[in-house]
Every structure is written in structure tokens, then in C-alpha cells.
C-alpha atoms as a PDB file:
ATOM      1  CA  MET A   1       0.007  -0.018  -0.018  1.00  0.00           C
ATOM      2  CA  SER A   2       1.180   3.544  -0.726  1.00  0.00           C
ATOM      3  CA  ARG A   3      -0.167   5.076   2.489  1.00  0.00           C
ATOM      4  CA  SER A   4       2.327   5.627   5.300  1.00  0.00           C
ATOM      5  CA  PHE A   5       1.549   4.845   8.913  1.00  0.00           C
ATOM      6  CA  LEU A   6       1.967   8.486   9.794  1.00  0.00           C
ATOM      7  CA  TYR A   7      -0.610   9.599   7.208  1.00  0.00           C
ATOM      8  CA  ALA A   8      -3.112   6.840   7.914  1.00  0.00           C
ATOM      9  CA  ASN A   9      -2.912   7.305  11.690  1.00  0.00           C
ATOM     10  CA  GLY A  10      -3.361  11.043  11.254  1.00  0.00           C
ATOM     11  CA  VAL A  11      -6.550  10.437   9.275  1.00  0.00           C
ATOM     12  CA  VAL A  12      -8.137   8.174  11.939  1.00  0.00           C
ATOM     13  CA  SER A  13      -7.084  10.546  14.724  1.00  0.00           C
ATOM     14  CA  SER A  14      -9.416  13.071  13.162  1.00  0.00           C
ATOM     15  CA  LEU A  15     -12.212  10.635  12.315  1.00  0.00           C
ATOM     16  CA  SER A  16     -12.291   9.182  15.849  1.00  0.00           C
ATOM     17  CA  LYS A  17     -13.969  12.398  16.973  1.00  0.00           C
ATOM     18  CA  ASN A  18     -17.029  11.549  14.850  1.00  0.00           C
ATOM     19  CA  LEU A  19     -17.743   8.239  16.574  1.00  0.00           C
ATOM     20  CA  ILE A  20     -20.962   8.096  18.555  1.00  0.00           C
ATOM     21  CA  SER A  21     -20.265   9.309  22.092  1.00  0.00           C
ATOM     22  CA  LYS A  22     -20.963   7.178  25.125  1.00  0.00           C
ATOM     23  CA  ASP A  23     -23.534   9.733  26.265  1.00  0.00           C
ATOM     24  CA  SER A  24     -25.481   9.358  23.019  1.00  0.00           C
ATOM     25  CA  PHE A  25     -25.463   5.569  23.367  1.00  0.00           C
ATOM     26  CA  VAL A  26     -26.728   5.807  26.923  1.00  0.00           C
ATOM     27  CA  ARG A  27     -29.558   8.093  25.785  1.00  0.00           C
ATOM     28  CA  MET A  28     -30.478   5.664  23.026  1.00  0.00           C
ATOM     29  CA  ILE A  29     -30.550   2.788  25.516  1.00  0.00           C
ATOM     30  CA  ASP A  30     -32.715   4.756  27.937  1.00  0.00           C
ATOM     31  CA  ALA A  31     -35.025   6.124  25.285  1.00  0.00           C
ATOM     32  CA  LYS A  32     -38.688   5.459  26.035  1.00  0.00           C
ATOM     33  CA  ASN A  33     -39.265   3.853  22.615  1.00  0.00           C
ATOM     34  CA  ASN A  34     -37.660   3.031  19.285  1.00  0.00           C
ATOM     35  CA  LYS A  35     -38.687   6.326  17.654  1.00  0.00           C
ATOM     36  CA  GLU A  36     -36.962   8.327  20.345  1.00  0.00           C
ATOM     37  CA  ALA A  37     -33.866   6.104  20.067  1.00  0.00           C
ATOM     38  CA  LEU A  38     -33.767   6.723  16.306  1.00  0.00           C
ATOM     39  CA  SER A  39     -34.175  10.491  16.861  1.00  0.00           C
ATOM     40  CA  ILE A  40     -31.161  10.481  19.178  1.00  0.00           C
ATOM     41  CA  LEU A  41     -29.125   8.485  16.656  1.00  0.00           C
ATOM     42  CA  GLN A  42     -29.972  11.013  13.952  1.00  0.00           C
ATOM     43  CA  GLU A  43     -28.363  13.750  16.074  1.00  0.00           C
ATOM     44  CA  THR A  44     -25.000  12.034  15.500  1.00  0.00           C
ATOM     45  CA  ASN A  45     -22.850  11.574  12.375  1.00  0.00           C
ATOM     46  CA  PHE A  46     -24.027   7.998  11.979  1.00  0.00           C
ATOM     47  CA  GLY A  47     -25.724   7.414   8.630  1.00  0.00           C
ATOM     48  CA  THR A  48     -24.962  10.858   7.225  1.00  0.00           C
ATOM     49  CA  GLY A  49     -26.213  11.017   3.681  1.00  0.00           C
ATOM     50  CA  LEU A  50     -29.270   8.833   4.263  1.00  0.00           C
ATOM     51  CA  THR A  51     -32.487   9.539   6.124  1.00  0.00           C
ATOM     52  CA  ILE A  52     -34.918   6.894   7.286  1.00  0.00           C
ATOM     53  CA  ASP A  53     -38.394   7.579   8.628  1.00  0.00           C
ATOM     54  CA  SER A  54     -38.990   4.363  10.520  1.00  0.00           C
ATOM     55  CA  PRO A  55     -36.846   2.673  13.218  1.00  0.00           C
ATOM     56  CA  PHE A  56     -37.625  -0.593  11.461  1.00  0.00           C
ATOM     57  CA  ASP A  57     -35.591   0.576   8.451  1.00  0.00           C
ATOM     58  CA  ILE A  58     -32.406   0.700  10.552  1.00  0.00           C
ATOM     59  CA  GLU A  59     -30.666  -1.909   8.358  1.00  0.00           C
ATOM     60  CA  GLU A  60     -30.432   0.693   5.621  1.00  0.00           C
ATOM     61  CA  LEU A  61     -28.292   2.898   7.827  1.00  0.00           C
ATOM     62  CA  LEU A  62     -26.262  -0.035   9.116  1.00  0.00           C
ATOM     63  CA  ASN A  63     -25.492  -1.211   5.574  1.00  0.00           C
ATOM     64  CA  LEU A  64     -24.544   2.292   4.566  1.00  0.00           C
ATOM     65  CA  GLU A  65     -22.124   2.696   7.451  1.00  0.00           C
ATOM     66  CA  THR A  66     -20.626  -0.774   6.862  1.00  0.00           C
ATOM     67  CA  LYS A  67     -20.078  -0.015   3.203  1.00  0.00           C
ATOM     68  CA  LYS A  68     -18.450   3.304   4.141  1.00  0.00           C
ATOM     69  CA  LEU A  69     -16.119   1.505   6.562  1.00  0.00           C
ATOM     70  CA  LEU A  70     -15.111  -1.093   3.998  1.00  0.00           C
ATOM     71  CA  LYS A  71     -14.554   1.600   1.358  1.00  0.00           C
ATOM     72  CA  PHE A  72     -12.450   3.560   3.825  1.00  0.00           C
ATOM     73  CA  ILE A  73     -10.307   0.518   4.682  1.00  0.00           C
ATOM     74  CA  LYS A  74      -9.809  -0.274   0.982  1.00  0.00           C
ATOM     75  CA  GLU A  75      -8.675   3.262   0.206  1.00  0.00           C
ATOM     76  CA  GLU A  76      -6.744   4.222   3.352  1.00  0.00           C
ATOM     77  CA  SER A  77      -5.274   1.103   5.027  1.00  0.00           C
ATOM     78  CA  PRO A  78      -1.489   1.350   5.088  1.00  0.00           C
ATOM     79  CA  VAL A  79      -1.150  -2.414   4.794  1.00  0.00           C
ATOM     80  CA  GLU A  80      -2.888  -4.938   2.536  1.00  0.00           C
ATOM     81  CA  GLU A  81      -3.217  -7.460   5.378  1.00  0.00           C
ATOM     82  CA  LEU A  82      -5.669  -5.389   7.416  1.00  0.00           C
ATOM     83  CA  GLN A  83      -7.711  -4.629   4.334  1.00  0.00           C
ATOM     84  CA  GLN A  84      -8.006  -8.335   3.538  1.00  0.00           C
ATOM     85  CA  TYR A  85      -8.764  -9.206   7.157  1.00  0.00           C
ATOM     86  CA  PHE A  86     -12.032  -7.256   6.812  1.00  0.00           C
ATOM     87  CA  LEU A  87     -12.883  -7.977   3.157  1.00  0.00           C
ATOM     88  CA  LEU A  88     -12.319 -11.706   3.092  1.00  0.00           C
ATOM     89  CA  GLN A  89     -14.835 -12.259   5.845  1.00  0.00           C
ATOM     90  CA  TYR A  90     -17.550 -10.704   3.710  1.00  0.00           C
ATOM     91  CA  ASP A  91     -16.381 -12.669   0.646  1.00  0.00           C
ATOM     92  CA  TYR A  92     -16.604 -16.045   2.393  1.00  0.00           C
ATOM     93  CA  ASN A  93     -19.926 -15.163   4.018  1.00  0.00           C
ATOM     94  CA  ASN A  94     -21.452 -14.203   0.667  1.00  0.00           C
ATOM     95  CA  ILE A  95     -20.013 -17.221  -1.120  1.00  0.00           C
ATOM     96  CA  SER A  96     -21.322 -19.506   1.658  1.00  0.00           C
ATOM     97  CA  SER A  97     -24.768 -17.874   1.456  1.00  0.00           C
ATOM     98  CA  PHE A  98     -24.964 -18.388  -2.301  1.00  0.00           C
ATOM     99  CA  CYS A  99     -23.889 -22.026  -1.979  1.00  0.00           C
ATOM    100  CA  LYS A 100     -26.497 -22.735   0.725  1.00  0.00           C
ATOM    101  CA  GLY A 101     -29.057 -21.056  -1.507  1.00  0.00           C
ATOM    102  CA  LEU A 102     -28.150 -23.538  -4.278  1.00  0.00           C
ATOM    103  CA  ILE A 103     -28.779 -26.445  -1.956  1.00  0.00           C
ATOM    104  CA  LEU A 104     -32.050 -25.114  -0.661  1.00  0.00           C
ATOM    105  CA  GLU A 105     -33.065 -23.782  -4.120  1.00  0.00           C
ATOM    106  CA  GLN A 106     -33.611 -20.352  -2.592  1.00  0.00           C
ATOM    107  CA  ASP A 107     -32.833 -16.859  -3.868  1.00  0.00           C
ATOM    108  CA  THR A 108     -30.206 -15.399  -1.545  1.00  0.00           C
ATOM    109  CA  ASP A 109     -30.006 -11.889  -3.094  1.00  0.00           C
ATOM    110  CA  SER A 110     -31.793 -10.371  -0.100  1.00  0.00           C
ATOM    111  CA  PHE A 111     -29.145 -11.787   2.273  1.00  0.00           C
ATOM    112  CA  VAL A 112     -26.333  -9.684   0.799  1.00  0.00           C
ATOM    113  CA  GLY A 113     -25.864  -6.236   2.226  1.00  0.00           C
ATOM    114  CA  CYS A 114     -22.150  -5.642   1.815  1.00  0.00           C
ATOM    115  CA  GLU A 115     -19.445  -6.932  -0.504  1.00  0.00           C
ATOM    116  CA  GLY A 116     -15.742  -7.630   0.088  1.00  0.00           C
ATOM    117  CA  ASN A 117     -13.290  -8.119  -2.770  1.00  0.00           C
ATOM    118  CA  TYR A 118     -15.952  -9.542  -5.073  1.00  0.00           C
ATOM    119  CA  GLU A 119     -19.235  -8.101  -6.209  1.00  0.00           C
ATOM    120  CA  TRP A 120     -22.279 -10.315  -5.558  1.00  0.00           C
ATOM    121  CA  VAL A 121     -22.959 -10.617  -9.298  1.00  0.00           C
ATOM    122  CA  LYS A 122     -19.429 -11.914  -9.892  1.00  0.00           C
ATOM    123  CA  ILE A 123     -19.763 -14.439  -7.064  1.00  0.00           C
ATOM    124  CA  LYS A 124     -22.969 -15.815  -8.583  1.00  0.00           C
ATOM    125  CA  ASP A 125     -21.543 -15.928 -12.107  1.00  0.00           C
ATOM    126  CA  LEU A 126     -18.292 -17.648 -11.157  1.00  0.00           C
ATOM    127  CA  ILE A 127     -19.943 -20.284  -8.966  1.00  0.00           C
ATOM    128  CA  SER A 128     -22.844 -20.921 -11.376  1.00  0.00           C
ATOM    129  CA  SER A 129     -20.393 -21.404 -14.261  1.00  0.00           C
ATOM    130  CA  LYS A 130     -18.080 -23.470 -12.006  1.00  0.00           C
ATOM    131  CA  ASN A 131     -15.229 -21.113 -12.915  1.00  0.00           C
ATOM    132  CA  PHE A 132     -13.777 -21.326  -9.410  1.00  0.00           C
ATOM    133  CA  SER A 133     -10.297 -20.264 -10.580  1.00  0.00           C
ATOM    134  CA  GLY A 134     -11.856 -16.953 -11.613  1.00  0.00           C
ATOM    135  CA  PHE A 135     -11.597 -15.806  -7.986  1.00  0.00           C
ATOM    136  CA  ASN A 136      -7.782 -15.854  -8.296  1.00  0.00           C
ATOM    137  CA  ASN A 137      -7.674 -17.183  -4.725  1.00  0.00           C
ATOM    138  CA  CYS A 138      -6.581 -20.770  -4.201  1.00  0.00           C
ATOM    139  CA  TYR A 139      -8.346 -21.000  -0.820  1.00  0.00           C
ATOM    140  CA  ILE A 140     -11.714 -19.955  -2.246  1.00  0.00           C
ATOM    141  CA  GLU A 141     -11.150 -22.226  -5.244  1.00  0.00           C
ATOM    142  CA  ASN A 142     -10.416 -25.250  -3.033  1.00  0.00           C
ATOM    143  CA  ALA A 143     -13.324 -24.413  -0.734  1.00  0.00           C
ATOM    144  CA  LEU A 144     -15.717 -24.431  -3.665  1.00  0.00           C
ATOM    145  CA  LYS A 145     -14.267 -27.695  -5.006  1.00  0.00           C
ATOM    146  CA  ASP A 146     -14.809 -29.263  -1.556  1.00  0.00           C
ATOM    147  CA  PHE A 147     -18.342 -27.841  -1.477  1.00  0.00           C
ATOM    148  CA  GLN A 148     -19.062 -29.318  -4.871  1.00  0.00           C
ATOM    149  CA  GLU A 149     -17.960 -32.739  -3.606  1.00  0.00           C
ATOM    150  CA  LEU A 150     -19.919 -32.324  -0.377  1.00  0.00           C
ATOM    151  CA  ALA A 151     -23.057 -31.278  -2.284  1.00  0.00           C
ATOM    152  CA  SER A 152     -22.853 -34.415  -4.414  1.00  0.00           C
ATOM    153  CA  ARG A 153     -23.667 -36.428  -1.314  1.00  0.00           C
ATOM    154  CA  ASN A 154     -27.139 -36.747   0.158  1.00  0.00           C
ATOM    155  CA  PRO A 155     -28.225 -35.332   2.532  1.00  0.00           C
ATOM    156  CA  ILE A 156     -26.011 -32.307   3.163  1.00  0.00           C
ATOM    157  CA  LYS A 157     -26.244 -30.453   6.457  1.00  0.00           C
ATOM    158  CA  GLY A 158     -26.141 -26.695   6.858  1.00  0.00           C
ATOM    159  CA  TYR A 159     -23.492 -26.729   9.585  1.00  0.00           C
ATOM    160  CA  GLU A 160     -21.201 -28.726   7.283  1.00  0.00           C
ATOM    161  CA  VAL A 161     -21.347 -25.974   4.681  1.00  0.00           C
ATOM    162  CA  ASP A 162     -20.853 -23.294   7.300  1.00  0.00           C
ATOM    163  CA  PHE A 163     -17.781 -24.955   8.742  1.00  0.00           C
ATOM    164  CA  LEU A 164     -16.277 -25.758   5.345  1.00  0.00           C
ATOM    165  CA  PHE A 165     -16.161 -22.097   4.362  1.00  0.00           C
ATOM    166  CA  LYS A 166     -15.262 -20.958   7.901  1.00  0.00           C
ATOM    167  CA  ASN A 167     -12.280 -23.360   7.890  1.00  0.00           C
ATOM    168  CA  TYR A 168     -11.014 -22.073   4.543  1.00  0.00           C
ATOM    169  CA  LEU A 169     -11.590 -18.461   5.612  1.00  0.00           C
ATOM    170  CA  TYR A 170      -9.231 -18.884   8.561  1.00  0.00           C
ATOM    171  CA  LYS A 171      -6.680 -20.782   6.488  1.00  0.00           C
ATOM    172  CA  ASN A 172      -6.822 -17.876   4.003  1.00  0.00           C
ATOM    173  CA  LEU A 173      -6.512 -15.295   6.772  1.00  0.00           C
ATOM    174  CA  LYS A 174      -3.500 -17.077   8.347  1.00  0.00           C
ATOM    175  CA  ALA A 175      -1.661 -17.248   5.051  1.00  0.00           C
ATOM    176  CA  MET A 176      -2.508 -13.653   4.216  1.00  0.00           C
ATOM    177  CA  ALA A 177      -1.461 -12.267   7.623  1.00  0.00           C
ATOM    178  CA  LYS A 178       2.040 -13.801   7.792  1.00  0.00           C
ATOM    179  CA  LYS A 179       3.861 -10.620   6.751  1.00  0.00           C
ATOM    180  CA  ASN A 180       2.242  -8.285   9.302  1.00  0.00           C
ATOM    181  CA  ALA A 181       2.745  -9.008  13.011  1.00  0.00           C
ATOM    182  CA  VAL A 182      -0.289  -7.016  14.175  1.00  0.00           C
ATOM    183  CA  VAL A 183      -2.792  -8.682  11.831  1.00  0.00           C
ATOM    184  CA  LYS A 184      -1.151 -12.059  12.399  1.00  0.00           C
ATOM    185  CA  GLU A 185      -1.702 -11.814  16.144  1.00  0.00           C
ATOM    186  CA  ILE A 186      -5.335 -10.760  15.630  1.00  0.00           C
ATOM    187  CA  VAL A 187      -5.995 -13.692  13.324  1.00  0.00           C
ATOM    188  CA  ASN A 188      -4.254 -16.273  15.532  1.00  0.00           C
ATOM    189  CA  THR A 189      -6.107 -15.028  18.609  1.00  0.00           C
ATOM    190  CA  LYS A 190      -9.422 -15.074  16.819  1.00  0.00           C
ATOM    191  CA  ILE A 191      -8.902 -18.664  15.649  1.00  0.00           C
ATOM    192  CA  ASP A 192      -8.162 -19.755  19.206  1.00  0.00           C
ATOM    193  CA  ILE A 193     -11.296 -17.973  20.426  1.00  0.00           C
ATOM    194  CA  GLU A 194     -13.332 -19.753  17.773  1.00  0.00           C
ATOM    195  CA  ASN A 195     -11.957 -23.075  18.968  1.00  0.00           C
ATOM    196  CA  ILE A 196     -12.748 -22.277  22.603  1.00  0.00           C
ATOM    197  CA  SER A 197     -16.237 -21.288  21.558  1.00  0.00           C
ATOM    198  CA  ASN A 198     -16.622 -24.582  19.736  1.00  0.00           C
ATOM    199  CA  ALA A 199     -15.494 -26.501  22.787  1.00  0.00           C
ATOM    200  CA  MET A 200     -17.898 -24.516  24.954  1.00  0.00           C
ATOM    201  CA  ARG A 201     -20.969 -24.960  22.752  1.00  0.00           C
ATOM    202  CA  SER A 202     -20.598 -28.414  21.164  1.00  0.00           C
ATOM    203  CA  LYS A 203     -23.122 -30.971  22.404  1.00  0.00           C
ATOM    204  CA  THR A 204     -21.126 -34.035  21.385  1.00  0.00           C
ATOM    205  CA  LEU A 205     -17.476 -34.987  21.072  1.00  0.00           C
ATOM    206  CA  TYR A 206     -17.968 -35.675  17.367  1.00  0.00           C
ATOM    207  CA  MET A 207     -19.355 -32.175  16.775  1.00  0.00           C
ATOM    208  CA  PHE A 208     -16.509 -30.644  18.771  1.00  0.00           C
ATOM    209  CA  GLU A 209     -13.785 -32.515  16.891  1.00  0.00           C
ATOM    210  CA  SER A 210     -15.342 -32.026  13.459  1.00  0.00           C
ATOM    211  CA  GLN A 211     -15.542 -28.218  13.924  1.00  0.00           C
ATOM    212  CA  MET A 212     -11.965 -27.640  15.113  1.00  0.00           C
ATOM    213  CA  LEU A 213      -9.758 -25.070  13.368  1.00  0.00           C
ATOM    214  CA  GLU A 214      -5.967 -25.061  13.202  1.00  0.00           C
ATOM    215  CA  GLY A 215      -4.998 -22.755  16.058  1.00  0.00           C
ATOM    216  CA  THR A 216      -2.288 -22.457  18.694  1.00  0.00           C
ATOM    217  CA  ILE A 217      -4.150 -24.173  21.554  1.00  0.00           C
ATOM    218  CA  SER A 218      -3.590 -27.932  21.459  1.00  0.00           C
ATOM    219  CA  LYS A 219      -6.377 -30.434  20.806  1.00  0.00           C
ATOM    220  CA  ASN A 220      -5.663 -31.949  24.228  1.00  0.00           C
ATOM    221  CA  THR A 221      -6.306 -28.594  25.980  1.00  0.00           C
ATOM    222  CA  LEU A 222      -9.407 -27.894  23.901  1.00  0.00           C
ATOM    223  CA  THR A 223     -10.709 -31.351  24.817  1.00  0.00           C
ATOM    224  CA  LYS A 224     -10.274 -30.487  28.470  1.00  0.00           C
ATOM    225  CA  ILE A 225     -12.259 -27.289  27.893  1.00  0.00           C
ATOM    226  CA  PHE A 226     -14.974 -29.367  26.196  1.00  0.00           C
ATOM    227  CA  ASN A 227     -15.046 -31.646  29.257  1.00  0.00           C
ATOM    228  CA  LYS A 228     -15.077 -28.644  31.650  1.00  0.00           C
ATOM    229  CA  ASP A 229     -11.790 -29.853  33.140  1.00  0.00           C
ATOM    230  CA  LYS A 230     -10.416 -26.902  35.139  1.00  0.00           C
ATOM    231  CA  THR A 231      -6.828 -28.067  34.780  1.00  0.00           C
ATOM    232  CA  CYS A 232      -6.962 -26.573  31.267  1.00  0.00           C
ATOM    233  CA  LEU A 233      -6.513 -23.114  32.800  1.00  0.00           C
ATOM    234  CA  SER A 234      -2.901 -23.821  33.663  1.00  0.00           C
ATOM    235  CA  GLU A 235      -2.248 -24.771  30.033  1.00  0.00           C
ATOM    236  CA  VAL A 236      -3.375 -21.406  28.570  1.00  0.00           C
ATOM    237  CA  SER A 237      -0.845 -18.639  29.292  1.00  0.00           C
ATOM    238  CA  ASN A 238      -2.280 -15.925  27.036  1.00  0.00           C
ATOM    239  CA  PRO A 239      -4.271 -13.607  29.406  1.00  0.00           C
ATOM    240  CA  ILE A 240      -6.792 -12.739  26.702  1.00  0.00           C
ATOM    241  CA  LEU A 241      -7.504 -16.365  25.892  1.00  0.00           C
ATOM    242  CA  LYS A 242      -7.592 -17.327  29.593  1.00  0.00           C
ATOM    243  CA  LYS A 243     -10.637 -15.089  30.075  1.00  0.00           C
ATOM    244  CA  PHE A 244     -12.477 -17.016  27.346  1.00  0.00           C
ATOM    245  CA  VAL A 245     -11.506 -20.327  28.855  1.00  0.00           C
ATOM    246  CA  GLU A 246     -12.815 -19.261  32.274  1.00  0.00           C
ATOM    247  CA  LEU A 247     -16.154 -18.446  30.688  1.00  0.00           C
ATOM    248  CA  ALA A 248     -16.200 -21.686  28.704  1.00  0.00           C
ATOM    249  CA  ILE A 249     -15.826 -23.887  31.770  1.00  0.00           C
ATOM    250  CA  GLY A 250     -18.000 -21.717  34.075  1.00  0.00           C
ATOM    251  CA  GLU A 251     -21.129 -22.930  35.746  1.00  0.00           C
ATOM    252  CA  ASN A 252     -23.580 -20.220  34.656  1.00  0.00           C
ATOM    253  CA  LYS A 253     -24.093 -21.032  30.978  1.00  0.00           C
ATOM    254  CA  GLU A 254     -26.559 -18.267  30.169  1.00  0.00           C
ATOM    255  CA  SER A 255     -24.432 -15.388  31.377  1.00  0.00           C
ATOM    256  CA  ALA A 256     -21.262 -17.074  30.134  1.00  0.00           C
ATOM    257  CA  TYR A 257     -22.579 -17.172  26.576  1.00  0.00           C
ATOM    258  CA  VAL A 258     -23.520 -13.481  26.659  1.00  0.00           C
ATOM    259  CA  ASN A 259     -20.199 -12.437  28.208  1.00  0.00           C
ATOM    260  CA  PHE A 260     -18.260 -14.657  25.796  1.00  0.00           C
ATOM    261  CA  GLU A 261     -19.814 -12.931  22.764  1.00  0.00           C
ATOM    262  CA  MET A 262     -19.199  -9.495  24.230  1.00  0.00           C
ATOM    263  CA  LEU A 263     -15.562 -10.327  24.897  1.00  0.00           C
ATOM    264  CA  LYS A 264     -15.243 -11.880  21.456  1.00  0.00           C
ATOM    265  CA  ASN A 265     -16.291  -8.541  19.912  1.00  0.00           C
ATOM    266  CA  THR A 266     -13.870  -6.473  21.989  1.00  0.00           C
ATOM    267  CA  PHE A 267     -10.743  -8.584  22.609  1.00  0.00           C
ATOM    268  CA  VAL A 268      -8.944  -6.790  19.791  1.00  0.00           C
ATOM    269  CA  PHE A 269      -8.892  -3.528  21.738  1.00  0.00           C
ATOM    270  CA  THR A 270      -6.973  -5.164  24.545  1.00  0.00           C
ATOM    271  CA  LEU A 271      -4.547  -6.600  21.994  1.00  0.00           C
ATOM    272  CA  LEU A 272      -3.998  -3.273  20.219  1.00  0.00           C
ATOM    273  CA  LEU A 273      -4.015  -0.977  23.237  1.00  0.00           C
ATOM    274  CA  PRO A 274      -0.241  -1.123  24.013  1.00  0.00           C
ATOM    275  CA  ASN A 275       0.499   0.473  20.645  1.00  0.00           C
ATOM    276  CA  LYS A 276      -2.647   2.590  20.253  1.00  0.00           C
ATOM    277  CA  PHE A 277      -0.643   5.827  20.279  1.00  0.00           C
ATOM    278  CA  ASN A 278       2.383   4.545  18.315  1.00  0.00           C
ATOM    279  CA  ILE A 279       2.043   6.489  15.081  1.00  0.00           C
ATOM    280  CA  ASP A 280       4.747   4.375  13.409  1.00  0.00           C
ATOM    281  CA  ASN A 281       2.668   1.227  13.916  1.00  0.00           C
ATOM    282  CA  LEU A 282      -0.509  -0.195  12.372  1.00  0.00           C
ATOM    283  CA  ALA A 283      -2.281  -0.295  15.764  1.00  0.00           C
ATOM    284  CA  PRO A 284      -3.840   3.229  15.821  1.00  0.00           C
ATOM    285  CA  PHE A 285      -5.382   2.792  12.324  1.00  0.00           C
ATOM    286  CA  ALA A 286      -6.571  -0.742  13.139  1.00  0.00           C
ATOM    287  CA  TYR A 287      -7.927   0.426  16.496  1.00  0.00           C
ATOM    288  CA  TYR A 288     -10.156   2.994  14.781  1.00  0.00           C
ATOM    289  CA  CYS A 289     -11.406   0.482  12.200  1.00  0.00           C
ATOM    290  CA  PHE A 290     -12.441  -1.929  14.965  1.00  0.00           C
ATOM    291  CA  GLN A 291     -13.981   0.978  16.902  1.00  0.00           C
ATOM    292  CA  LYS A 292     -16.149   1.833  13.902  1.00  0.00           C
ATOM    293  CA  ASP A 293     -17.087  -1.826  13.439  1.00  0.00           C
ATOM    294  CA  CYS A 294     -17.993  -1.984  17.122  1.00  0.00           C
ATOM    295  CA  GLU A 295     -20.056   1.208  16.823  1.00  0.00           C
ATOM    296  CA  ILE A 296     -22.122  -0.402  14.041  1.00  0.00           C
ATOM    297  CA  LYS A 297     -22.710  -3.493  16.178  1.00  0.00           C
ATOM    298  CA  ASN A 298     -23.896  -1.358  19.096  1.00  0.00           C
ATOM    299  CA  VAL A 299     -26.332   0.586  16.909  1.00  0.00           C
ATOM    300  CA  ARG A 300     -27.687  -2.715  15.549  1.00  0.00           C
ATOM    301  CA  LEU A 301     -28.063  -4.102  19.067  1.00  0.00           C
ATOM    302  CA  ILE A 302     -29.802  -1.043  20.523  1.00  0.00           C
ATOM    303  CA  MET A 303     -32.206  -0.474  17.661  1.00  0.00           C
ATOM    304  CA  SER A 304     -33.052  -4.171  17.314  1.00  0.00           C
ATOM    305  CA  TYR A 305     -33.889  -4.506  20.991  1.00  0.00           C
ATOM    306  CA  GLN A 306     -35.771  -1.212  21.017  1.00  0.00           C
ATOM    307  CA  ASN A 307     -37.777  -2.365  17.994  1.00  0.00           C
ATOM    308  CA  ASN A 308     -38.681  -5.589  19.814  1.00  0.00           C
ATOM    309  CA  ASN A 309     -39.488  -3.947  23.175  1.00  0.00           C
ATOM    310  CA  LEU A 310     -36.508  -5.613  24.859  1.00  0.00           C
ATOM    311  CA  LYS A 311     -34.665  -2.484  26.039  1.00  0.00           C
ATOM    312  CA  ASN A 312     -34.169  -4.061  29.505  1.00  0.00           C
ATOM    313  CA  LYS A 313     -31.710  -6.535  27.913  1.00  0.00           C
ATOM    314  CA  ILE A 314     -29.538  -4.009  26.066  1.00  0.00           C
ATOM    315  CA  ARG A 315     -27.118  -3.094  28.829  1.00  0.00           C
ATOM    316  CA  GLU A 316     -25.969  -6.647  29.470  1.00  0.00           C
ATOM    317  CA  ARG A 317     -25.142  -7.092  25.783  1.00  0.00           C
ATOM    318  CA  PHE A 318     -23.900  -3.585  24.971  1.00  0.00           C
ATOM    319  CA  LEU A 319     -20.235  -3.517  23.995  1.00  0.00           C
ATOM    320  CA  GLU A 320     -18.707  -1.318  26.666  1.00  0.00           C
ATOM    321  CA  TYR A 321     -17.458   1.987  25.434  1.00  0.00           C
ATOM    322  CA  TYR A 322     -14.397   1.693  23.222  1.00  0.00           C
ATOM    323  CA  GLY A 323     -13.484   5.290  22.380  1.00  0.00           C
ATOM    324  CA  GLY A 324     -14.933   8.264  20.596  1.00  0.00           C
END
């Protein structure tokens, strides 16, 4: 990329001031109804350029802000690795959605809100014509070949399709991130978190083992987590991962699941914090990008719960303030 760290970090330093303030979020949470929450949101810079009249049209604003974020990362990221970290996740999700639509004989156009490296039309054309090499990505090509083989069997299960593309996504991310230490650490940590989550949620040993990704935590330790064996804690030295393990083997499943997801959405801030103000490092730019991503998630959470008259549940799921 042609952008220097100094330039890119200067840009996000200015943009950070436009993030929704904690006070505005609190007012949205405490709003008496969804219309008032939307009115408060419209006082901020969120969704500038688009006006919606109904709180139930919030997805239009969320898609707009997500597209803006992806466009910003494409144009301003000082390293290719961070750009691909964000874009590839949308690519694999869209490809997986189209493939599941083929199996179910359903139109999946309505499921696509944002695009990564590939436009939705191109994804449909390349897969429909079986021109998998047209993606110019060996991981996507191999994923689609494996899907084709899987689809030839009867019956095919949805979770098998989901894991197939999830597995190739993380293989792709690991290979892509090798040259940048910051993105590499984010990817490796995220893979370990996914494995801990799998160990926490799997109902059977078969399901647990069949959904395992290639991470840094050993299969033996993950099996102990699956079995709720507390000795696994001594085998995980990473303080970020240890918090996830503690939740995975905890007694209170309901609160553990909620806290796990919240921590999963915010762990990256802890990881980036030591270099947040190092302008010669990727961390400040990456920190802002994840802040913006987190902001979008919080707006979706608040408005969704307000729309469904569940405002009393927002605070326990709200991603604690991350900047702005």
C-alpha cells in the first residue's frame, strides 16, 4: 500500500472524533421507545447522507455505514493485510450464502448487504459457471471444490457448509497475515477464540472434533475445555484467551454465553491498546477500524432490541465503550 503509517494514523485521529459518544449511546438505551432512540441516533454523524423515517428501516443505515467503513479501509489502510482481514470475511460469508441457496433452491440476493473483494454478481456468475479459478484465490477455489464434492452427497447439512467455508476463511487469513505482526496476532487469537467457543458450545465430542480449526491451543487442551476440566486453565498462558476459557468452563451457561460474545467482539482492543498511540505502527489505524465496526454493532443491538421492546436486555449485551 502507498499510504504511510503517519498519514493513515493522522486520518483516523481526526475521524475518531465523529464516533458516537458514550452519552449518546446511553440516551439511546434509555429512550422510552424506538422512535426516540432513532431520533437520538440522527443527532449524531451515523448514517450521514441517508435519512430513514422508521426505526424498522435501521438496516439501511447499518449497511450504509458498513459499506463506508469497507470503502475507507480499501482506500486508506497502510497495509494490505488489514484490508484483507475485513474484506475476506464478507467474501466467504457471501459465497457460503450463495452455496447454501443452491442447496435449498432459494434466492439469496436479499441476504447480501455488503461486499468484500468480489461483487455479488461476480460471485454468482463464477460459482454458477463453475469457474472457481476466476476468484484468483486458491483457498476460495479449493473451498468451492470441496463444497461441490460435499453437495454431491445426500443429505447435506447446513452446519457442514458453514464450517467448510469458515475453515477455509481462517486458512486464508492465516496465510494472508504472515507478513504483518499485528494482523497475524489478531488472526491467531481469533482462531483460538473460535476453537474455545466450539469446545464450549458443542453438544457431542464428534461435533466438537469435526468443527476444530488449526490454532495455537492444542487439541488436548481444547478437549479439556470441552469436558469442563479446570486443569486446562494452567495450560493457557495468554491472558486474553484465559478469560475465554474461564467463561467456557464456568457454571452459569446463560451469562457465560452473553459475556463470551461481548468479549469476542472487543478482545482486539486489549490486543492493540499497548500500541494505540504509536504512530509508526498499524495499531492506531486498526484500532479505529475496529472501533467503527464496534459502533455499528452497538447501533444494531440497541435499535433491534428497542424495535422488539426488549430495552431491558440491552445493557448486558452492549459492547462497553471503546473510544470516541
